[in-house]
Amino acid sequence: MKLLMIYTTRFWYRTTIKTLESEEDRVEERAIEGVLVGFIHAEPQDEAEGGAVETRLVKNLKWAARKNETKRILLHSFAHLTEGKATPKFTKDLLANAEERLVGAGYEVSQTPFGFFLDLHLEAPGRSLARIFKSL
């Protein structure tokens, strides 16, 4: 798994193009302030690891949120950080499970629409811990 975490003072998205026919059509636009955005790229080998990769994902998101003094986390499936990618079902389940665990730990968690390209606007402070990349 590849994980790019960016703390944003403001993050805005809008759905544009549906990329997975299995997903329902939707039009969504949202802005969130003071949120850690996790750009998450699940890889084929992650499917064999199951819960271990999920645990590493949750731990890294919690750590980065604490470092940026926020309780808000936005999960975004971003299959553009490496060549291979896990199946959509695995990735969608991974995000849902991670969200459940983070909410249980007291975080305010949401997800961008799965299976869509999005228009994005983000504002991020210029400090080192506002941008963190991990290979899990």
N, C-alpha and C. Protein backbone atom coordinates (compact mmCIF):
# COMPACT_ATOMS: atom_id res chain seq x y z
N MET A 1 0.83 -1.17 0.00
CA MET A 1 0.00 0.00 0.00
C MET A 1 0.88 1.24 0.00
N LYS A 2 0.43 2.21 -0.74
CA LYS A 2 1.07 3.52 -0.74
C LYS A 2 0.08 4.48 -0.11
N LEU A 3 0.59 5.37 0.74
CA LEU A 3 -0.25 6.30 1.47
C LEU A 3 0.37 7.69 1.46
N LEU A 4 -0.31 8.61 0.84
CA LEU A 4 0.10 10.01 0.84
C LEU A 4 -0.89 10.74 1.74
N MET A 5 -0.37 11.36 2.80
CA MET A 5 -1.21 12.07 3.74
C MET A 5 -0.91 13.57 3.65
N ILE A 6 -1.94 14.35 3.45
CA ILE A 6 -1.78 15.80 3.36
C ILE A 6 -2.76 16.44 4.32
N TYR A 7 -2.24 17.20 5.27
CA TYR A 7 -3.11 17.97 6.14
C TYR A 7 -3.53 19.21 5.38
N THR A 8 -4.82 19.45 5.33
CA THR A 8 -5.33 20.60 4.60
C THR A 8 -6.13 21.50 5.53
N THR A 9 -5.94 22.80 5.36
CA THR A 9 -6.78 23.73 6.09
C THR A 9 -8.16 23.79 5.45
N ARG A 10 -8.21 23.47 4.14
CA ARG A 10 -9.49 23.36 3.43
C ARG A 10 -9.30 22.40 2.26
N PHE A 11 -10.23 21.45 2.16
CA PHE A 11 -10.23 20.48 1.07
C PHE A 11 -11.63 20.47 0.46
N TRP A 12 -11.70 20.62 -0.85
CA TRP A 12 -12.96 20.64 -1.58
C TRP A 12 -12.90 19.62 -2.70
N TYR A 13 -14.02 18.93 -2.93
CA TYR A 13 -14.10 18.02 -4.07
C TYR A 13 -15.49 18.07 -4.68
N ARG A 14 -15.53 17.63 -5.95
CA ARG A 14 -16.79 17.48 -6.68
C ARG A 14 -16.63 16.28 -7.61
N THR A 15 -17.64 15.42 -7.65
CA THR A 15 -17.59 14.28 -8.56
C THR A 15 -17.63 14.77 -10.00
N THR A 16 -16.89 14.06 -10.86
CA THR A 16 -16.91 14.40 -12.29
C THR A 16 -17.28 13.18 -13.13
N ILE A 17 -16.41 12.18 -13.18
CA ILE A 17 -16.62 11.02 -14.06
C ILE A 17 -16.65 9.74 -13.22
N LYS A 18 -17.69 8.94 -13.41
CA LYS A 18 -17.75 7.64 -12.73
C LYS A 18 -16.81 6.68 -13.46
N THR A 19 -15.96 5.99 -12.69
CA THR A 19 -14.98 5.08 -13.28
C THR A 19 -15.30 3.61 -13.04
N LEU A 20 -16.25 3.33 -12.13
CA LEU A 20 -16.65 1.95 -11.85
C LEU A 20 -18.15 1.81 -12.07
N GLU A 21 -18.51 0.97 -13.00
CA GLU A 21 -19.94 0.77 -13.30
C GLU A 21 -20.69 0.20 -12.11
N SER A 22 -20.00 -0.49 -11.23
CA SER A 22 -20.65 -1.09 -10.06
C SER A 22 -21.14 -0.05 -9.05
N GLU A 23 -20.64 1.16 -9.16
CA GLU A 23 -21.05 2.22 -8.22
C GLU A 23 -22.29 2.94 -8.75
N GLU A 24 -23.11 3.39 -7.82
CA GLU A 24 -24.31 4.14 -8.20
C GLU A 24 -23.92 5.53 -8.69
N ASP A 25 -24.70 6.04 -9.63
CA ASP A 25 -24.49 7.41 -10.09
C ASP A 25 -24.72 8.36 -8.92
N ARG A 26 -23.92 9.39 -8.86
CA ARG A 26 -24.10 10.39 -7.81
C ARG A 26 -23.40 11.68 -8.21
N VAL A 27 -23.96 12.75 -7.75
CA VAL A 27 -23.35 14.06 -7.90
C VAL A 27 -23.12 14.57 -6.49
N GLU A 28 -21.87 14.85 -6.17
CA GLU A 28 -21.55 15.27 -4.80
C GLU A 28 -20.50 16.36 -4.84
N GLU A 29 -20.67 17.33 -3.98
CA GLU A 29 -19.70 18.41 -3.81
C GLU A 29 -19.61 18.67 -2.32
N ARG A 30 -18.37 18.84 -1.82
CA ARG A 30 -18.20 19.01 -0.38
C ARG A 30 -16.91 19.75 -0.10
N ALA A 31 -16.92 20.54 0.96
CA ALA A 31 -15.72 21.19 1.46
C ALA A 31 -15.57 20.82 2.94
N ILE A 32 -14.34 20.56 3.35
CA ILE A 32 -14.04 20.21 4.74
C ILE A 32 -12.84 21.04 5.18
N GLU A 33 -12.89 21.56 6.38
CA GLU A 33 -11.78 22.35 6.91
C GLU A 33 -11.04 21.58 7.99
N GLY A 34 -9.73 21.81 8.06
CA GLY A 34 -8.91 21.20 9.09
C GLY A 34 -8.92 19.69 9.06
N VAL A 35 -8.64 19.11 7.89
CA VAL A 35 -8.76 17.66 7.72
C VAL A 35 -7.46 17.06 7.18
N LEU A 36 -7.12 15.89 7.70
CA LEU A 36 -6.02 15.11 7.15
C LEU A 36 -6.61 14.24 6.04
N VAL A 37 -6.11 14.40 4.82
CA VAL A 37 -6.60 13.61 3.70
C VAL A 37 -5.61 12.48 3.45
N GLY A 38 -6.12 11.26 3.47
CA GLY A 38 -5.31 10.09 3.15
C GLY A 38 -5.57 9.65 1.73
N PHE A 39 -4.58 9.86 0.84
CA PHE A 39 -4.66 9.39 -0.54
C PHE A 39 -4.13 7.95 -0.51
N ILE A 40 -5.03 6.98 -0.66
CA ILE A 40 -4.72 5.59 -0.38
C ILE A 40 -4.71 4.76 -1.66
N HIS A 41 -3.59 4.10 -1.90
CA HIS A 41 -3.44 3.23 -3.07
C HIS A 41 -3.18 1.81 -2.57
N ALA A 42 -4.22 0.97 -2.61
CA ALA A 42 -4.07 -0.44 -2.22
C ALA A 42 -3.48 -1.21 -3.40
N GLU A 43 -2.54 -2.09 -3.09
CA GLU A 43 -1.83 -2.87 -4.10
C GLU A 43 -2.24 -4.34 -4.04
N PRO A 44 -1.98 -5.11 -5.11
CA PRO A 44 -2.38 -6.53 -5.12
C PRO A 44 -1.88 -7.32 -3.91
N GLN A 45 -0.65 -7.09 -3.49
CA GLN A 45 -0.10 -7.86 -2.36
C GLN A 45 -0.79 -7.55 -1.05
N ASP A 46 -1.47 -6.40 -0.96
CA ASP A 46 -2.20 -6.05 0.26
C ASP A 46 -3.36 -7.01 0.51
N GLU A 47 -3.93 -7.55 -0.55
CA GLU A 47 -5.07 -8.45 -0.42
C GLU A 47 -4.68 -9.71 0.35
N ALA A 48 -3.43 -10.16 0.19
CA ALA A 48 -2.96 -11.35 0.90
C ALA A 48 -2.71 -11.06 2.38
N GLU A 49 -2.43 -9.80 2.72
CA GLU A 49 -2.13 -9.43 4.11
C GLU A 49 -3.38 -9.21 4.95
N GLY A 50 -4.49 -8.89 4.32
CA GLY A 50 -5.74 -8.70 5.05
C GLY A 50 -5.66 -7.63 6.12
N GLY A 51 -5.91 -8.02 7.36
CA GLY A 51 -5.99 -7.08 8.48
C GLY A 51 -4.70 -6.38 8.82
N ALA A 52 -3.56 -6.96 8.48
CA ALA A 52 -2.28 -6.34 8.85
C ALA A 52 -2.09 -5.00 8.13
N VAL A 53 -2.42 -4.94 6.86
CA VAL A 53 -2.27 -3.70 6.12
C VAL A 53 -3.28 -2.66 6.61
N GLU A 54 -4.46 -3.12 6.96
CA GLU A 54 -5.48 -2.22 7.52
C GLU A 54 -5.00 -1.60 8.83
N THR A 55 -4.38 -2.40 9.68
CA THR A 55 -3.86 -1.91 10.96
C THR A 55 -2.78 -0.86 10.72
N ARG A 56 -1.87 -1.12 9.79
CA ARG A 56 -0.81 -0.14 9.50
C ARG A 56 -1.41 1.16 8.95
N LEU A 57 -2.42 1.05 8.10
CA LEU A 57 -3.08 2.23 7.56
C LEU A 57 -3.68 3.06 8.68
N VAL A 58 -4.44 2.43 9.56
CA VAL A 58 -5.10 3.15 10.66
C VAL A 58 -4.07 3.79 11.58
N LYS A 59 -3.02 3.07 11.92
CA LYS A 59 -1.98 3.62 12.81
C LYS A 59 -1.31 4.85 12.20
N ASN A 60 -1.00 4.79 10.91
CA ASN A 60 -0.35 5.93 10.25
C ASN A 60 -1.28 7.13 10.16
N LEU A 61 -2.55 6.91 9.86
CA LEU A 61 -3.50 8.01 9.79
C LEU A 61 -3.69 8.67 11.16
N LYS A 62 -3.79 7.86 12.21
CA LYS A 62 -3.93 8.41 13.57
C LYS A 62 -2.69 9.21 13.96
N TRP A 63 -1.52 8.69 13.64
CA TRP A 63 -0.27 9.38 13.97
C TRP A 63 -0.20 10.74 13.28
N ALA A 64 -0.49 10.76 11.97
CA ALA A 64 -0.42 12.01 11.21
C ALA A 64 -1.49 13.00 11.66
N ALA A 65 -2.66 12.52 12.00
CA ALA A 65 -3.73 13.40 12.50
C ALA A 65 -3.29 14.06 13.81
N ARG A 66 -2.71 13.26 14.71
CA ARG A 66 -2.21 13.82 15.98
C ARG A 66 -1.14 14.87 15.73
N LYS A 67 -0.20 14.58 14.84
CA LYS A 67 0.88 15.52 14.56
C LYS A 67 0.36 16.84 13.99
N ASN A 68 -0.79 16.77 13.30
CA ASN A 68 -1.37 17.97 12.70
C ASN A 68 -2.53 18.52 13.53
N GLU A 69 -2.67 17.97 14.74
CA GLU A 69 -3.65 18.45 15.72
C GLU A 69 -5.07 18.52 15.16
N THR A 70 -5.49 17.42 14.53
CA THR A 70 -6.85 17.34 14.01
C THR A 70 -7.46 16.00 14.39
N LYS A 71 -8.77 15.98 14.50
CA LYS A 71 -9.53 14.74 14.72
C LYS A 71 -10.33 14.40 13.46
N ARG A 72 -10.10 15.16 12.37
CA ARG A 72 -10.82 14.92 11.12
C ARG A 72 -9.91 14.22 10.12
N ILE A 73 -10.43 13.13 9.55
CA ILE A 73 -9.69 12.37 8.55
C ILE A 73 -10.63 12.09 7.37
N LEU A 74 -10.12 12.31 6.18
CA LEU A 74 -10.86 12.01 4.95
C LEU A 74 -10.10 10.93 4.20
N LEU A 75 -10.77 9.82 3.90
CA LEU A 75 -10.17 8.72 3.16
C LEU A 75 -10.50 8.87 1.68
N HIS A 76 -9.45 8.80 0.85
CA HIS A 76 -9.64 8.98 -0.59
C HIS A 76 -8.90 7.87 -1.33
N SER A 77 -9.65 7.02 -2.03
CA SER A 77 -9.02 5.99 -2.85
C SER A 77 -8.34 6.68 -4.02
N PHE A 78 -7.02 6.50 -4.11
CA PHE A 78 -6.22 7.21 -5.10
C PHE A 78 -5.29 6.21 -5.76
N ALA A 79 -5.73 5.59 -6.84
CA ALA A 79 -4.99 4.50 -7.47
C ALA A 79 -3.97 5.03 -8.48
N HIS A 80 -3.18 6.01 -8.07
CA HIS A 80 -2.21 6.63 -8.98
C HIS A 80 -0.83 6.78 -8.35
N LEU A 81 -0.55 6.02 -7.29
CA LEU A 81 0.74 6.17 -6.61
C LEU A 81 1.74 5.08 -6.98
N THR A 82 1.28 4.06 -7.69
CA THR A 82 2.17 2.99 -8.14
C THR A 82 1.47 2.23 -9.27
N GLU A 83 2.14 1.28 -9.85
CA GLU A 83 1.63 0.57 -11.03
C GLU A 83 0.43 -0.34 -10.73
N GLY A 84 0.62 -1.35 -9.89
CA GLY A 84 -0.44 -2.33 -9.65
C GLY A 84 -1.45 -1.84 -8.65
N LYS A 85 -2.67 -2.36 -8.76
CA LYS A 85 -3.68 -1.97 -7.78
C LYS A 85 -4.52 -3.17 -7.38
N ALA A 86 -5.01 -3.10 -6.14
CA ALA A 86 -5.87 -4.15 -5.61
C ALA A 86 -7.23 -4.08 -6.30
N THR A 87 -8.04 -5.10 -6.10
CA THR A 87 -9.38 -5.10 -6.67
C THR A 87 -10.22 -3.99 -6.03
N PRO A 88 -11.18 -3.47 -6.78
CA PRO A 88 -12.05 -2.44 -6.20
C PRO A 88 -12.76 -2.91 -4.93
N LYS A 89 -13.21 -4.17 -4.91
CA LYS A 89 -13.91 -4.67 -3.72
C LYS A 89 -13.00 -4.64 -2.50
N PHE A 90 -11.76 -5.12 -2.65
CA PHE A 90 -10.83 -5.11 -1.53
C PHE A 90 -10.60 -3.68 -1.04
N THR A 91 -10.36 -2.77 -1.98
CA THR A 91 -10.07 -1.38 -1.61
C THR A 91 -11.27 -0.73 -0.92
N LYS A 92 -12.44 -0.95 -1.45
CA LYS A 92 -13.65 -0.37 -0.84
C LYS A 92 -13.86 -0.92 0.57
N ASP A 93 -13.68 -2.23 0.75
CA ASP A 93 -13.81 -2.84 2.08
C ASP A 93 -12.74 -2.33 3.04
N LEU A 94 -11.52 -2.18 2.55
CA LEU A 94 -10.42 -1.66 3.36
C LEU A 94 -10.76 -0.27 3.89
N LEU A 95 -11.26 0.60 3.01
CA LEU A 95 -11.61 1.95 3.42
C LEU A 95 -12.75 1.94 4.44
N ALA A 96 -13.75 1.11 4.20
CA ALA A 96 -14.88 1.02 5.14
C ALA A 96 -14.42 0.53 6.51
N ASN A 97 -13.57 -0.49 6.53
CA ASN A 97 -13.07 -1.02 7.80
C ASN A 97 -12.19 -0.01 8.52
N ALA A 98 -11.34 0.69 7.77
CA ALA A 98 -10.48 1.70 8.38
C ALA A 98 -11.34 2.83 8.96
N GLU A 99 -12.37 3.23 8.23
CA GLU A 99 -13.27 4.28 8.73
C GLU A 99 -13.91 3.85 10.05
N GLU A 100 -14.41 2.63 10.08
CA GLU A 100 -15.05 2.12 11.29
C GLU A 100 -14.10 2.14 12.48
N ARG A 101 -12.86 1.69 12.27
CA ARG A 101 -11.88 1.67 13.36
C ARG A 101 -11.51 3.07 13.82
N LEU A 102 -11.36 3.99 12.87
CA LEU A 102 -11.00 5.37 13.23
C LEU A 102 -12.14 6.06 13.98
N VAL A 103 -13.36 5.84 13.55
CA VAL A 103 -14.52 6.41 14.27
C VAL A 103 -14.56 5.85 15.68
N GLY A 104 -14.31 4.56 15.82
CA GLY A 104 -14.27 3.93 17.13
C GLY A 104 -13.20 4.50 18.04
N ALA A 105 -12.16 5.07 17.44
CA ALA A 105 -11.06 5.67 18.21
C ALA A 105 -11.30 7.17 18.45
N GLY A 106 -12.47 7.66 18.06
CA GLY A 106 -12.81 9.05 18.36
C GLY A 106 -12.54 10.06 17.26
N TYR A 107 -12.29 9.59 16.05
CA TYR A 107 -12.03 10.50 14.93
C TYR A 107 -13.32 10.75 14.15
N GLU A 108 -13.40 11.93 13.54
CA GLU A 108 -14.48 12.27 12.62
C GLU A 108 -13.97 11.89 11.24
N VAL A 109 -14.57 10.86 10.66
CA VAL A 109 -14.03 10.28 9.42
C VAL A 109 -15.08 10.28 8.33
N SER A 110 -14.64 10.57 7.12
CA SER A 110 -15.51 10.47 5.96
C SER A 110 -14.68 9.97 4.78
N GLN A 111 -15.38 9.67 3.69
CA GLN A 111 -14.71 9.20 2.48
C GLN A 111 -15.19 10.01 1.29
N THR A 112 -14.29 10.17 0.33
CA THR A 112 -14.72 10.72 -0.95
C THR A 112 -15.48 9.64 -1.69
N PRO A 113 -16.32 9.99 -2.66
CA PRO A 113 -17.07 8.97 -3.41
C PRO A 113 -16.12 7.98 -4.10
N PHE A 114 -16.34 6.71 -3.84
CA PHE A 114 -15.51 5.64 -4.39
C PHE A 114 -15.91 5.39 -5.84
N GLY A 115 -14.91 5.23 -6.71
CA GLY A 115 -15.17 4.91 -8.10
C GLY A 115 -15.48 6.10 -8.97
N PHE A 116 -14.99 7.27 -8.57
CA PHE A 116 -15.21 8.50 -9.34
C PHE A 116 -13.91 9.29 -9.45
N PHE A 117 -13.74 9.96 -10.58
CA PHE A 117 -12.74 11.02 -10.66
C PHE A 117 -13.38 12.25 -10.03
N LEU A 118 -12.54 13.05 -9.41
CA LEU A 118 -13.04 14.22 -8.70
C LEU A 118 -12.27 15.47 -9.12
N ASP A 119 -12.97 16.58 -9.17
CA ASP A 119 -12.29 17.87 -9.19
C ASP A 119 -11.85 18.11 -7.75
N LEU A 120 -10.62 18.60 -7.57
CA LEU A 120 -10.09 18.82 -6.22
C LEU A 120 -9.52 20.23 -6.09
N HIS A 121 -9.71 20.80 -4.93
CA HIS A 121 -9.03 22.03 -4.53
C HIS A 121 -8.57 21.80 -3.10
N LEU A 122 -7.31 22.11 -2.83
CA LEU A 122 -6.86 21.97 -1.46
C LEU A 122 -5.92 23.09 -1.08
N GLU A 123 -5.98 23.43 0.19
CA GLU A 123 -5.07 24.40 0.77
C GLU A 123 -4.32 23.69 1.89
N ALA A 124 -3.00 23.71 1.81
CA ALA A 124 -2.19 23.00 2.80
C ALA A 124 -1.09 23.91 3.30
N PRO A 125 -0.84 23.91 4.62
CA PRO A 125 0.23 24.74 5.16
C PRO A 125 1.60 24.23 4.73
N GLY A 126 2.55 25.13 4.68
CA GLY A 126 3.90 24.79 4.27
C GLY A 126 4.78 24.37 5.43
N ARG A 127 4.47 23.22 5.99
CA ARG A 127 5.31 22.65 7.06
C ARG A 127 5.51 21.17 6.78
N SER A 128 6.58 20.61 7.31
CA SER A 128 6.98 19.25 6.93
C SER A 128 5.94 18.19 7.23
N LEU A 129 5.31 18.21 8.37
CA LEU A 129 4.38 17.15 8.73
C LEU A 129 3.00 17.31 8.11
N ALA A 130 2.81 18.35 7.29
CA ALA A 130 1.56 18.52 6.57
C ALA A 130 1.52 17.61 5.33
N ARG A 131 2.67 17.07 4.95
CA ARG A 131 2.76 16.20 3.78
C ARG A 131 3.66 15.01 4.12
N ILE A 132 3.06 13.83 4.14
CA ILE A 132 3.80 12.62 4.55
C ILE A 132 3.47 11.50 3.56
N PHE A 133 4.50 10.82 3.06
CA PHE A 133 4.31 9.68 2.19
C PHE A 133 4.83 8.43 2.90
N LYS A 134 4.05 7.35 2.85
CA LYS A 134 4.47 6.09 3.43
C LYS A 134 4.20 4.95 2.46
N SER A 135 5.12 4.00 2.44
CA SER A 135 4.92 2.76 1.73
C SER A 135 4.70 1.70 2.80
N LEU A 136 3.49 1.20 2.92
CA LEU A 136 3.14 0.29 4.03
C LEU A 136 3.23 -1.17 3.63
